[in-house]
Amino acid sequence: IADLAPGGALELTEWGLDLEVDVPVVTLAGIASDGLIAGGLVFFDANLDGQVNGLEPSTVTDASGQYALPVSTDLFDTNSNGSLDPEEGALVVTGGIDIATGRPLEAPLRAPPHAQVITPLTSLVYEAWKQEPTKTFDELESLIETALGIDTALGARLNLLTVDPFRGVQQGDADALEAVKYGSKVQSAMGSIAALLS
């Protein structure tokens, strides 16, 4: 049985042996937010099937939607560049409770590994990247902002992969409030589609 500890140690306990081996890791940390998601399962989806399997690491968001997910670069950095790229997997959050509404998260949210937030808008960015992998994430964000009707000036001030709109709203940021509105529309549509497919 193998467990990856947060510090990067791989603990092996089998055949009566207790071994600890240092494993290089990168910690993917951020916030799961469609409203802050408490108790959501966050995992690195290396095979992009939307489920935790094999050695794919996972963790649970805390009461304020934050997570820290250690991921072995030995196992998942397949191009050996020292970081995790979108081709190597995605961040996914499932389950959990929106602490603002008390309602469960209706549909999984996704983001590329370098994202600092996982939101309905990062899900759109990631899905757009899967369709257009030659485009940069900045180009994809611009395309999505245009498609959603987000004002160009507002789009220039927001980075969909790093801005936590709900924290911004709590701090009185008007741009964040607009991002929440667009994210809510996207998540509502995603929930409806998930319900139709189930």
N, C-alpha and C. Protein backbone atom coordinates (compact mmCIF):
# COMPACT_ATOMS: atom_id res chain seq x y z
N ILE A 1 0.86 -1.17 0.00
CA ILE A 1 0.00 0.00 0.00
C ILE A 1 0.90 1.23 0.00
N ALA A 2 0.60 2.19 -0.86
CA ALA A 2 1.44 3.39 -0.97
C ALA A 2 0.59 4.63 -0.72
N ASP A 3 1.12 5.56 0.07
CA ASP A 3 0.46 6.83 0.31
C ASP A 3 1.47 7.94 0.10
N LEU A 4 1.07 8.99 -0.63
CA LEU A 4 1.92 10.15 -0.83
C LEU A 4 1.62 11.17 0.26
N ALA A 5 2.60 11.39 1.10
CA ALA A 5 2.44 12.34 2.19
C ALA A 5 2.63 13.76 1.66
N PRO A 6 2.02 14.77 2.33
CA PRO A 6 2.10 16.14 1.84
C PRO A 6 3.52 16.65 1.61
N GLY A 7 4.49 16.20 2.38
CA GLY A 7 5.86 16.67 2.21
C GLY A 7 6.59 16.01 1.05
N GLY A 8 5.96 15.05 0.39
CA GLY A 8 6.60 14.41 -0.75
C GLY A 8 7.22 13.07 -0.40
N ALA A 9 6.91 12.52 0.75
CA ALA A 9 7.45 11.21 1.10
C ALA A 9 6.43 10.15 0.70
N LEU A 10 6.91 9.12 0.04
CA LEU A 10 6.05 8.00 -0.34
C LEU A 10 6.21 6.93 0.72
N GLU A 11 5.14 6.64 1.44
CA GLU A 11 5.20 5.65 2.49
C GLU A 11 4.73 4.31 1.95
N LEU A 12 5.59 3.31 2.04
CA LEU A 12 5.27 1.99 1.53
C LEU A 12 5.16 1.04 2.72
N THR A 13 4.00 0.40 2.85
CA THR A 13 3.83 -0.58 3.91
C THR A 13 3.29 -1.85 3.29
N GLU A 14 4.14 -2.82 3.14
CA GLU A 14 3.75 -4.08 2.56
C GLU A 14 4.73 -5.15 3.01
N TRP A 15 4.31 -6.36 3.15
CA TRP A 15 5.13 -7.50 3.56
C TRP A 15 5.86 -7.23 4.88
N GLY A 16 5.20 -6.46 5.73
CA GLY A 16 5.78 -6.19 7.03
C GLY A 16 6.88 -5.14 7.03
N LEU A 17 7.16 -4.52 5.89
CA LEU A 17 8.19 -3.50 5.79
C LEU A 17 7.55 -2.12 5.89
N ASP A 18 8.24 -1.21 6.50
CA ASP A 18 7.77 0.18 6.57
C ASP A 18 8.87 1.06 6.01
N LEU A 19 8.76 1.41 4.73
CA LEU A 19 9.78 2.19 4.03
C LEU A 19 9.25 3.59 3.75
N GLU A 20 10.14 4.56 3.76
CA GLU A 20 9.76 5.92 3.39
C GLU A 20 10.76 6.41 2.36
N VAL A 21 10.26 6.81 1.19
CA VAL A 21 11.10 7.24 0.09
C VAL A 21 10.70 8.66 -0.30
N ASP A 22 11.69 9.56 -0.43
CA ASP A 22 11.39 10.91 -0.88
C ASP A 22 11.01 10.90 -2.35
N VAL A 23 9.91 11.56 -2.66
CA VAL A 23 9.40 11.64 -4.03
C VAL A 23 9.25 13.11 -4.37
N PRO A 24 9.79 13.55 -5.53
CA PRO A 24 9.60 14.96 -5.89
C PRO A 24 8.12 15.26 -6.17
N VAL A 25 7.65 16.34 -5.56
CA VAL A 25 6.25 16.72 -5.75
C VAL A 25 6.14 18.20 -6.06
N VAL A 26 5.05 18.54 -6.69
CA VAL A 26 4.64 19.93 -6.82
C VAL A 26 3.29 20.01 -6.10
N THR A 27 3.11 21.05 -5.31
CA THR A 27 1.84 21.20 -4.60
C THR A 27 0.96 22.18 -5.36
N LEU A 28 -0.18 21.68 -5.81
CA LEU A 28 -1.17 22.50 -6.50
C LEU A 28 -2.13 23.02 -5.43
N ALA A 29 -2.13 24.32 -5.23
CA ALA A 29 -2.93 24.91 -4.16
C ALA A 29 -3.83 25.99 -4.72
N GLY A 30 -5.02 26.09 -4.15
CA GLY A 30 -5.95 27.11 -4.62
C GLY A 30 -7.27 27.03 -3.90
N ILE A 31 -8.31 27.49 -4.58
CA ILE A 31 -9.64 27.57 -4.00
C ILE A 31 -10.66 27.00 -5.00
N ALA A 32 -11.54 26.14 -4.51
CA ALA A 32 -12.66 25.64 -5.30
C ALA A 32 -13.84 26.56 -5.03
N SER A 33 -14.38 27.14 -6.10
CA SER A 33 -15.34 28.21 -5.89
C SER A 33 -16.46 28.21 -6.92
N ASP A 34 -17.65 27.94 -6.47
CA ASP A 34 -18.90 28.21 -7.19
C ASP A 34 -19.84 28.69 -6.10
N GLY A 35 -19.42 29.75 -5.42
CA GLY A 35 -19.63 29.94 -4.02
C GLY A 35 -18.50 29.09 -3.47
N LEU A 36 -17.95 29.37 -2.34
CA LEU A 36 -16.83 28.57 -1.85
C LEU A 36 -17.32 27.15 -1.57
N ILE A 37 -16.58 26.16 -2.05
CA ILE A 37 -16.99 24.76 -1.94
C ILE A 37 -16.25 24.08 -0.78
N ALA A 38 -16.97 23.77 0.28
CA ALA A 38 -16.41 23.07 1.43
C ALA A 38 -16.63 21.58 1.27
N GLY A 39 -15.63 20.78 1.63
CA GLY A 39 -15.77 19.32 1.60
C GLY A 39 -15.81 18.74 0.20
N GLY A 40 -15.31 19.48 -0.79
CA GLY A 40 -15.27 18.96 -2.16
C GLY A 40 -14.04 18.10 -2.38
N LEU A 41 -14.17 17.07 -3.17
CA LEU A 41 -13.03 16.21 -3.51
C LEU A 41 -12.28 16.84 -4.67
N VAL A 42 -11.03 17.21 -4.44
CA VAL A 42 -10.17 17.77 -5.49
C VAL A 42 -9.15 16.70 -5.86
N PHE A 43 -8.98 16.45 -7.16
CA PHE A 43 -7.98 15.46 -7.57
C PHE A 43 -7.31 15.86 -8.87
N PHE A 44 -6.12 15.26 -9.08
CA PHE A 44 -5.39 15.46 -10.32
C PHE A 44 -5.79 14.33 -11.25
N ASP A 45 -6.51 14.67 -12.30
CA ASP A 45 -7.08 13.69 -13.22
C ASP A 45 -6.11 13.46 -14.39
N ALA A 46 -5.18 12.54 -14.18
CA ALA A 46 -4.12 12.32 -15.18
C ALA A 46 -4.64 11.66 -16.45
N ASN A 47 -5.65 10.81 -16.32
CA ASN A 47 -6.17 10.14 -17.53
C ASN A 47 -7.43 10.83 -18.08
N LEU A 48 -7.80 11.95 -17.47
CA LEU A 48 -8.89 12.81 -17.96
C LEU A 48 -10.23 12.09 -18.09
N ASP A 49 -10.48 11.14 -17.18
CA ASP A 49 -11.76 10.44 -17.22
C ASP A 49 -12.77 10.99 -16.21
N GLY A 50 -12.38 12.01 -15.45
CA GLY A 50 -13.31 12.63 -14.50
C GLY A 50 -13.48 11.88 -13.20
N GLN A 51 -12.67 10.83 -12.97
CA GLN A 51 -12.77 10.04 -11.75
C GLN A 51 -11.38 9.81 -11.16
N VAL A 52 -11.32 9.64 -9.84
CA VAL A 52 -10.05 9.32 -9.20
C VAL A 52 -9.79 7.84 -9.40
N ASN A 53 -8.64 7.53 -9.97
CA ASN A 53 -8.26 6.12 -10.07
C ASN A 53 -6.75 5.96 -10.01
N GLY A 54 -6.33 4.74 -9.74
CA GLY A 54 -4.90 4.44 -9.67
C GLY A 54 -4.21 5.30 -8.62
N LEU A 55 -3.11 5.88 -9.00
CA LEU A 55 -2.32 6.69 -8.09
C LEU A 55 -2.64 8.19 -8.18
N GLU A 56 -3.74 8.54 -8.85
CA GLU A 56 -4.11 9.95 -8.95
C GLU A 56 -4.34 10.51 -7.56
N PRO A 57 -3.61 11.57 -7.20
CA PRO A 57 -3.73 12.12 -5.85
C PRO A 57 -5.02 12.91 -5.67
N SER A 58 -5.50 12.93 -4.44
CA SER A 58 -6.73 13.67 -4.13
C SER A 58 -6.63 14.26 -2.73
N THR A 59 -7.48 15.24 -2.50
CA THR A 59 -7.61 15.86 -1.18
C THR A 59 -9.03 16.42 -1.08
N VAL A 60 -9.35 16.99 0.06
CA VAL A 60 -10.68 17.55 0.29
C VAL A 60 -10.52 19.03 0.64
N THR A 61 -11.39 19.86 0.08
CA THR A 61 -11.34 21.29 0.39
C THR A 61 -11.73 21.53 1.84
N ASP A 62 -11.14 22.56 2.42
CA ASP A 62 -11.47 22.90 3.80
C ASP A 62 -12.76 23.72 3.86
N ALA A 63 -13.09 24.23 5.03
CA ALA A 63 -14.34 24.96 5.22
C ALA A 63 -14.43 26.25 4.42
N SER A 64 -13.29 26.75 3.91
CA SER A 64 -13.31 27.97 3.09
C SER A 64 -12.97 27.69 1.63
N GLY A 65 -13.09 26.42 1.23
CA GLY A 65 -12.89 26.05 -0.17
C GLY A 65 -11.44 25.89 -0.60
N GLN A 66 -10.50 26.02 0.32
CA GLN A 66 -9.08 25.93 -0.04
C GLN A 66 -8.61 24.48 -0.09
N TYR A 67 -7.63 24.24 -0.94
CA TYR A 67 -7.03 22.91 -1.05
C TYR A 67 -5.53 23.05 -1.29
N ALA A 68 -4.79 22.01 -0.92
CA ALA A 68 -3.37 21.88 -1.24
C ALA A 68 -3.18 20.42 -1.63
N LEU A 69 -2.80 20.20 -2.88
CA LEU A 69 -2.74 18.85 -3.43
C LEU A 69 -1.31 18.53 -3.89
N PRO A 70 -0.58 17.70 -3.12
CA PRO A 70 0.76 17.30 -3.57
C PRO A 70 0.64 16.28 -4.70
N VAL A 71 1.35 16.54 -5.79
CA VAL A 71 1.32 15.65 -6.96
C VAL A 71 2.75 15.25 -7.30
N SER A 72 2.99 13.97 -7.42
CA SER A 72 4.32 13.47 -7.75
C SER A 72 4.71 13.83 -9.18
N THR A 73 5.82 14.55 -9.32
CA THR A 73 6.30 14.84 -10.68
C THR A 73 6.92 13.61 -11.31
N ASP A 74 7.44 12.70 -10.49
CA ASP A 74 7.97 11.44 -11.04
C ASP A 74 6.88 10.66 -11.76
N LEU A 75 5.68 10.66 -11.19
CA LEU A 75 4.58 9.89 -11.77
C LEU A 75 3.84 10.63 -12.88
N PHE A 76 3.67 11.95 -12.73
CA PHE A 76 2.74 12.65 -13.62
C PHE A 76 3.35 13.69 -14.55
N ASP A 77 4.60 14.07 -14.33
CA ASP A 77 5.27 15.01 -15.23
C ASP A 77 5.88 14.21 -16.38
N THR A 78 5.05 13.82 -17.31
CA THR A 78 5.48 12.88 -18.36
C THR A 78 6.47 13.48 -19.35
N ASN A 79 6.52 14.80 -19.47
CA ASN A 79 7.51 15.41 -20.38
C ASN A 79 8.76 15.87 -19.62
N SER A 80 8.82 15.61 -18.31
CA SER A 80 9.99 15.88 -17.47
C SER A 80 10.47 17.33 -17.51
N ASN A 81 9.52 18.27 -17.57
CA ASN A 81 9.92 19.68 -17.58
C ASN A 81 9.85 20.32 -16.19
N GLY A 82 9.54 19.52 -15.17
CA GLY A 82 9.52 20.03 -13.80
C GLY A 82 8.22 20.66 -13.37
N SER A 83 7.22 20.70 -14.26
CA SER A 83 5.91 21.24 -13.90
C SER A 83 4.83 20.35 -14.51
N LEU A 84 3.61 20.59 -14.09
CA LEU A 84 2.48 19.81 -14.62
C LEU A 84 1.77 20.65 -15.67
N ASP A 85 1.65 20.11 -16.86
CA ASP A 85 1.05 20.79 -17.99
C ASP A 85 -0.35 20.25 -18.25
N PRO A 86 -1.19 20.99 -18.97
CA PRO A 86 -2.56 20.53 -19.24
C PRO A 86 -2.61 19.18 -19.96
N GLU A 87 -1.60 18.88 -20.77
CA GLU A 87 -1.56 17.59 -21.47
C GLU A 87 -1.39 16.43 -20.48
N GLU A 88 -0.88 16.74 -19.28
CA GLU A 88 -0.58 15.70 -18.29
C GLU A 88 -1.72 15.49 -17.31
N GLY A 89 -2.73 16.34 -17.35
CA GLY A 89 -3.87 16.15 -16.46
C GLY A 89 -4.56 17.46 -16.12
N ALA A 90 -5.65 17.34 -15.40
CA ALA A 90 -6.47 18.49 -15.02
C ALA A 90 -6.79 18.42 -13.54
N LEU A 91 -7.07 19.56 -12.96
CA LEU A 91 -7.63 19.61 -11.62
C LEU A 91 -9.14 19.45 -11.75
N VAL A 92 -9.72 18.63 -10.89
CA VAL A 92 -11.17 18.41 -10.89
C VAL A 92 -11.66 18.51 -9.45
N VAL A 93 -12.81 19.14 -9.27
CA VAL A 93 -13.47 19.13 -7.96
C VAL A 93 -14.88 18.57 -8.16
N THR A 94 -15.25 17.64 -7.29
CA THR A 94 -16.59 17.06 -7.31
C THR A 94 -17.14 17.07 -5.88
N GLY A 95 -18.45 17.08 -5.78
CA GLY A 95 -19.08 17.03 -4.47
C GLY A 95 -18.83 18.29 -3.67
N GLY A 96 -19.09 18.20 -2.40
CA GLY A 96 -18.92 19.35 -1.53
C GLY A 96 -20.16 20.22 -1.50
N ILE A 97 -20.11 21.21 -0.64
CA ILE A 97 -21.25 22.08 -0.38
C ILE A 97 -20.84 23.53 -0.62
N ASP A 98 -21.67 24.25 -1.35
CA ASP A 98 -21.50 25.69 -1.53
C ASP A 98 -21.86 26.34 -0.19
N ILE A 99 -20.86 26.93 0.47
CA ILE A 99 -21.12 27.44 1.82
C ILE A 99 -22.05 28.65 1.84
N ALA A 100 -22.20 29.32 0.69
CA ALA A 100 -23.11 30.47 0.65
C ALA A 100 -24.57 30.03 0.59
N THR A 101 -24.85 28.94 -0.14
CA THR A 101 -26.24 28.51 -0.34
C THR A 101 -26.60 27.26 0.45
N GLY A 102 -25.59 26.49 0.89
CA GLY A 102 -25.85 25.23 1.56
C GLY A 102 -26.22 24.11 0.60
N ARG A 103 -26.13 24.37 -0.70
CA ARG A 103 -26.49 23.37 -1.71
C ARG A 103 -25.26 22.62 -2.19
N PRO A 104 -25.43 21.36 -2.59
CA PRO A 104 -24.29 20.60 -3.11
C PRO A 104 -23.86 21.09 -4.49
N LEU A 105 -22.59 20.89 -4.79
CA LEU A 105 -22.07 21.21 -6.11
C LEU A 105 -22.75 20.28 -7.11
N GLU A 106 -23.38 20.85 -8.14
CA GLU A 106 -24.19 20.05 -9.06
C GLU A 106 -23.40 19.32 -10.13
N ALA A 107 -22.35 19.92 -10.63
CA ALA A 107 -21.57 19.32 -11.71
C ALA A 107 -20.09 19.51 -11.41
N PRO A 108 -19.25 18.57 -11.80
CA PRO A 108 -17.81 18.72 -11.55
C PRO A 108 -17.26 19.99 -12.20
N LEU A 109 -16.26 20.56 -11.56
CA LEU A 109 -15.55 21.71 -12.09
C LEU A 109 -14.13 21.28 -12.44
N ARG A 110 -13.56 21.88 -13.49
CA ARG A 110 -12.22 21.53 -13.95
C ARG A 110 -11.39 22.78 -14.14
N ALA A 111 -10.07 22.56 -14.13
CA ALA A 111 -9.14 23.65 -14.40
C ALA A 111 -7.81 23.05 -14.82
N PRO A 112 -7.02 23.79 -15.60
CA PRO A 112 -5.67 23.32 -15.90
C PRO A 112 -4.83 23.31 -14.62
N PRO A 113 -3.77 22.53 -14.58
CA PRO A 113 -2.99 22.38 -13.34
C PRO A 113 -2.43 23.68 -12.77
N HIS A 114 -2.14 24.66 -13.60
CA HIS A 114 -1.54 25.90 -13.10
C HIS A 114 -2.57 26.90 -12.56
N ALA A 115 -3.85 26.57 -12.64
CA ALA A 115 -4.89 27.48 -12.15
C ALA A 115 -4.83 27.59 -10.62
N GLN A 116 -5.16 28.76 -10.12
CA GLN A 116 -5.20 28.98 -8.68
C GLN A 116 -6.61 28.90 -8.13
N VAL A 117 -7.58 28.78 -9.01
CA VAL A 117 -8.98 28.58 -8.63
C VAL A 117 -9.58 27.52 -9.55
N ILE A 118 -10.59 26.84 -9.05
CA ILE A 118 -11.37 25.91 -9.87
C ILE A 118 -12.80 26.42 -9.80
N THR A 119 -13.32 26.92 -10.93
CA THR A 119 -14.63 27.57 -10.97
C THR A 119 -15.36 27.14 -12.24
N PRO A 120 -16.62 27.52 -12.39
CA PRO A 120 -17.30 27.26 -13.66
C PRO A 120 -16.56 27.90 -14.84
N LEU A 121 -15.97 29.08 -14.64
CA LEU A 121 -15.26 29.74 -15.73
C LEU A 121 -13.95 29.03 -16.08
N THR A 122 -13.25 28.47 -15.08
CA THR A 122 -12.04 27.71 -15.40
C THR A 122 -12.41 26.43 -16.14
N SER A 123 -13.60 25.90 -15.84
CA SER A 123 -14.06 24.71 -16.57
C SER A 123 -14.22 25.03 -18.06
N LEU A 124 -14.79 26.21 -18.34
CA LEU A 124 -14.92 26.63 -19.73
C LEU A 124 -13.56 26.80 -20.40
N VAL A 125 -12.63 27.44 -19.69
CA VAL A 125 -11.30 27.65 -20.24
C VAL A 125 -10.64 26.31 -20.54
N TYR A 126 -10.74 25.37 -19.60
CA TYR A 126 -10.11 24.06 -19.81
C TYR A 126 -10.75 23.32 -20.98
N GLU A 127 -12.07 23.34 -21.07
CA GLU A 127 -12.73 22.65 -22.17
C GLU A 127 -12.38 23.30 -23.51
N ALA A 128 -12.23 24.61 -23.52
CA ALA A 128 -11.81 25.31 -24.74
C ALA A 128 -10.40 24.89 -25.13
N TRP A 129 -9.52 24.74 -24.15
CA TRP A 129 -8.15 24.30 -24.44
C TRP A 129 -8.15 22.89 -25.05
N LYS A 130 -9.02 22.02 -24.56
CA LYS A 130 -9.09 20.66 -25.14
C LYS A 130 -9.48 20.72 -26.61
N GLN A 131 -10.31 21.69 -26.98
CA GLN A 131 -10.73 21.84 -28.38
C GLN A 131 -9.67 22.55 -29.21
N GLU A 132 -8.92 23.46 -28.59
CA GLU A 132 -7.93 24.30 -29.30
C GLU A 132 -6.60 24.28 -28.54
N PRO A 133 -5.90 23.13 -28.47
CA PRO A 133 -4.69 23.03 -27.64
C PRO A 133 -3.51 23.87 -28.14
N THR A 134 -3.59 24.40 -29.34
CA THR A 134 -2.48 25.24 -29.83
C THR A 134 -2.61 26.69 -29.36
N LYS A 135 -3.77 27.06 -28.85
CA LYS A 135 -3.97 28.44 -28.38
C LYS A 135 -3.42 28.60 -26.96
N THR A 136 -2.98 29.80 -26.63
CA THR A 136 -2.55 30.08 -25.26
C THR A 136 -3.79 30.24 -24.38
N PHE A 137 -3.57 30.13 -23.08
CA PHE A 137 -4.70 30.32 -22.17
C PHE A 137 -5.20 31.75 -22.19
N ASP A 138 -4.32 32.71 -22.42
CA ASP A 138 -4.76 34.11 -22.55
C ASP A 138 -5.70 34.26 -23.76
N GLU A 139 -5.34 33.63 -24.87
CA GLU A 139 -6.21 33.69 -26.06
C GLU A 139 -7.55 33.03 -25.79
N LEU A 140 -7.52 31.90 -25.10
CA LEU A 140 -8.76 31.18 -24.79
C LEU A 140 -9.65 32.00 -23.86
N GLU A 141 -9.03 32.64 -22.86
CA GLU A 141 -9.82 33.48 -21.95
C GLU A 141 -10.50 34.60 -22.73
N SER A 142 -9.78 35.23 -23.65
CA SER A 142 -10.37 36.31 -24.46
C SER A 142 -11.54 35.81 -25.28
N LEU A 143 -11.39 34.62 -25.88
CA LEU A 143 -12.48 34.04 -26.68
C LEU A 143 -13.72 33.77 -25.81
N ILE A 144 -13.50 33.25 -24.62
CA ILE A 144 -14.61 32.94 -23.72
C ILE A 144 -15.27 34.22 -23.24
N GLU A 145 -14.47 35.21 -22.89
CA GLU A 145 -15.03 36.48 -22.44
C GLU A 145 -15.89 37.11 -23.54
N THR A 146 -15.43 37.02 -24.78
CA THR A 146 -16.21 37.55 -25.91
C THR A 146 -17.50 36.76 -26.07
N ALA A 147 -17.40 35.43 -26.00
CA ALA A 147 -18.59 34.58 -26.18
C ALA A 147 -19.63 34.83 -25.09
N LEU A 148 -19.17 35.12 -23.87
CA LEU A 148 -20.09 35.37 -22.76
C LEU A 148 -20.58 36.81 -22.72
N GLY A 149 -20.01 37.66 -23.56
CA GLY A 149 -20.40 39.06 -23.56
C GLY A 149 -19.76 39.87 -22.45
N ILE A 150 -18.63 39.38 -21.94
CA ILE A 150 -17.92 40.13 -20.90
C ILE A 150 -17.23 41.32 -21.55
N ASP A 151 -17.47 42.50 -20.99
CA ASP A 151 -16.87 43.73 -21.49
C ASP A 151 -15.35 43.58 -21.61
N THR A 152 -14.78 44.09 -22.70
CA THR A 152 -13.35 43.98 -22.96
C THR A 152 -12.51 44.57 -21.83
N ALA A 153 -12.92 45.70 -21.32
CA ALA A 153 -12.17 46.33 -20.21
C ALA A 153 -12.21 45.46 -18.96
N LEU A 154 -13.37 44.88 -18.66
CA LEU A 154 -13.49 43.98 -17.52
C LEU A 154 -12.64 42.74 -17.76
N GLY A 155 -12.70 42.19 -18.96
CA GLY A 155 -11.91 41.01 -19.29
C GLY A 155 -10.42 41.25 -19.12
N ALA A 156 -9.97 42.45 -19.44
CA ALA A 156 -8.54 42.78 -19.30
C ALA A 156 -8.12 42.82 -17.83
N ARG A 157 -9.07 43.11 -16.93
CA ARG A 157 -8.75 43.18 -15.50
C ARG A 157 -8.87 41.83 -14.79
N LEU A 158 -9.55 40.88 -15.42
CA LEU A 158 -9.78 39.58 -14.78
C LEU A 158 -8.89 38.51 -15.41
N ASN A 159 -8.31 37.67 -14.59
CA ASN A 159 -7.67 36.46 -15.08
C ASN A 159 -8.51 35.31 -14.56
N LEU A 160 -9.21 34.63 -15.46
CA LEU A 160 -10.17 33.61 -15.05
C LEU A 160 -9.53 32.44 -14.31
N LEU A 161 -8.20 32.25 -14.48
CA LEU A 161 -7.52 31.12 -13.84
C LEU A 161 -6.91 31.46 -12.49
N THR A 162 -6.97 32.74 -12.11
CA THR A 162 -6.36 33.12 -10.83
C THR A 162 -7.29 33.89 -9.90
N VAL A 163 -8.32 34.52 -10.44
CA VAL A 163 -9.18 35.38 -9.62
C VAL A 163 -10.29 34.55 -8.97
N ASP A 164 -10.38 34.67 -7.65
CA ASP A 164 -11.49 34.05 -6.93
C ASP A 164 -12.59 35.10 -6.82
N PRO A 165 -13.62 35.00 -7.66
CA PRO A 165 -14.63 36.05 -7.68
C PRO A 165 -15.39 36.19 -6.36
N PHE A 166 -15.60 35.11 -5.63
CA PHE A 166 -16.37 35.21 -4.39
C PHE A 166 -15.60 35.94 -3.31
N ARG A 167 -14.29 35.74 -3.25
CA ARG A 167 -13.48 36.51 -2.30
C ARG A 167 -13.51 37.99 -2.69
N GLY A 168 -13.45 38.25 -4.00
CA GLY A 168 -13.50 39.63 -4.47
C GLY A 168 -14.80 40.31 -4.08
N VAL A 169 -15.91 39.58 -4.20
CA VAL A 169 -17.22 40.14 -3.82
C VAL A 169 -17.21 40.47 -2.33
N GLN A 170 -16.66 39.58 -1.50
CA GLN A 170 -16.60 39.84 -0.06
C GLN A 170 -15.79 41.09 0.24
N GLN A 171 -14.84 41.41 -0.65
CA GLN A 171 -14.00 42.59 -0.45
C GLN A 171 -14.55 43.82 -1.18
N GLY A 172 -15.75 43.69 -1.75
CA GLY A 172 -16.41 44.83 -2.40
C GLY A 172 -15.93 45.13 -3.81
N ASP A 173 -15.33 44.16 -4.48
CA ASP A 173 -14.80 44.36 -5.84
C ASP A 173 -15.94 44.20 -6.86
N ALA A 174 -16.28 45.28 -7.56
CA ALA A 174 -17.38 45.27 -8.54
C ALA A 174 -17.07 44.33 -9.71
N ASP A 175 -15.80 44.25 -10.14
CA ASP A 175 -15.43 43.34 -11.22
C ASP A 175 -15.70 41.89 -10.81
N ALA A 176 -15.39 41.57 -9.57
CA ALA A 176 -15.62 40.22 -9.08
C ALA A 176 -17.10 39.87 -9.11
N LEU A 177 -17.95 40.83 -8.78
CA LEU A 177 -19.40 40.60 -8.81
C LEU A 177 -19.85 40.23 -10.22
N GLU A 178 -19.31 40.91 -11.22
CA GLU A 178 -19.64 40.57 -12.61
C GLU A 178 -19.17 39.16 -12.95
N ALA A 179 -17.98 38.79 -12.49
CA ALA A 179 -17.46 37.44 -12.74
C ALA A 179 -18.34 36.39 -12.09
N VAL A 180 -18.85 36.68 -10.89
CA VAL A 180 -19.75 35.75 -10.21
C VAL A 180 -21.01 35.54 -11.03
N LYS A 181 -21.55 36.62 -11.58
CA LYS A 181 -22.77 36.51 -12.39
C LYS A 181 -22.55 35.60 -13.59
N TYR A 182 -21.43 35.81 -14.30
CA TYR A 182 -21.15 34.96 -15.46
C TYR A 182 -20.89 33.52 -15.04
N GLY A 183 -20.14 33.34 -13.97
CA GLY A 183 -19.86 31.99 -13.49
C GLY A 183 -21.12 31.25 -13.08
N SER A 184 -22.05 31.97 -12.45
CA SER A 184 -23.32 31.36 -12.03
C SER A 184 -24.13 30.88 -13.23
N LYS A 185 -24.13 31.68 -14.30
CA LYS A 185 -24.84 31.27 -15.52
C LYS A 185 -24.21 30.01 -16.11
N VAL A 186 -22.89 29.98 -16.13
CA VAL A 186 -22.19 28.81 -16.68
C VAL A 186 -22.48 27.57 -15.84
N GLN A 187 -22.38 27.69 -14.50
CA GLN A 187 -22.61 26.54 -13.64
C GLN A 187 -24.06 26.06 -13.72
N SER A 188 -24.99 26.98 -13.84
CA SER A 188 -26.40 26.60 -13.99
C SER A 188 -26.60 25.77 -15.25
N ALA A 189 -25.97 26.22 -16.34
CA ALA A 189 -26.07 25.46 -17.59
C ALA A 189 -25.41 24.10 -17.45
N MET A 190 -24.23 24.05 -16.78
CA MET A 190 -23.54 22.78 -16.60
C MET A 190 -24.38 21.81 -15.76
N GLY A 191 -25.03 22.33 -14.71
CA GLY A 191 -25.89 21.51 -13.88
C GLY A 191 -27.07 20.95 -14.64
N SER A 192 -27.66 21.76 -15.50
CA SER A 192 -28.79 21.31 -16.31
C SER A 192 -28.37 20.23 -17.29
N ILE A 193 -27.21 20.42 -17.90
CA ILE A 193 -26.71 19.40 -18.85
C ILE A 193 -26.40 18.11 -18.11
N ALA A 194 -25.76 18.20 -16.92
CA ALA A 194 -25.45 17.01 -16.15
C ALA A 194 -26.72 16.26 -15.76
N ALA A 195 -27.77 17.00 -15.39
CA ALA A 195 -29.04 16.37 -15.02
C ALA A 195 -29.67 15.65 -16.22
N LEU A 196 -29.58 16.26 -17.39
CA LEU A 196 -30.11 15.62 -18.59
C LEU A 196 -29.38 14.35 -18.97
N LEU A 197 -28.06 14.33 -18.72
CA LEU A 197 -27.25 13.17 -19.10
C LEU A 197 -27.31 12.04 -18.09
N SER A 198 -27.81 12.33 -16.89
CA SER A 198 -27.83 11.26 -15.87
C SER A 198 -29.10 10.45 -15.91
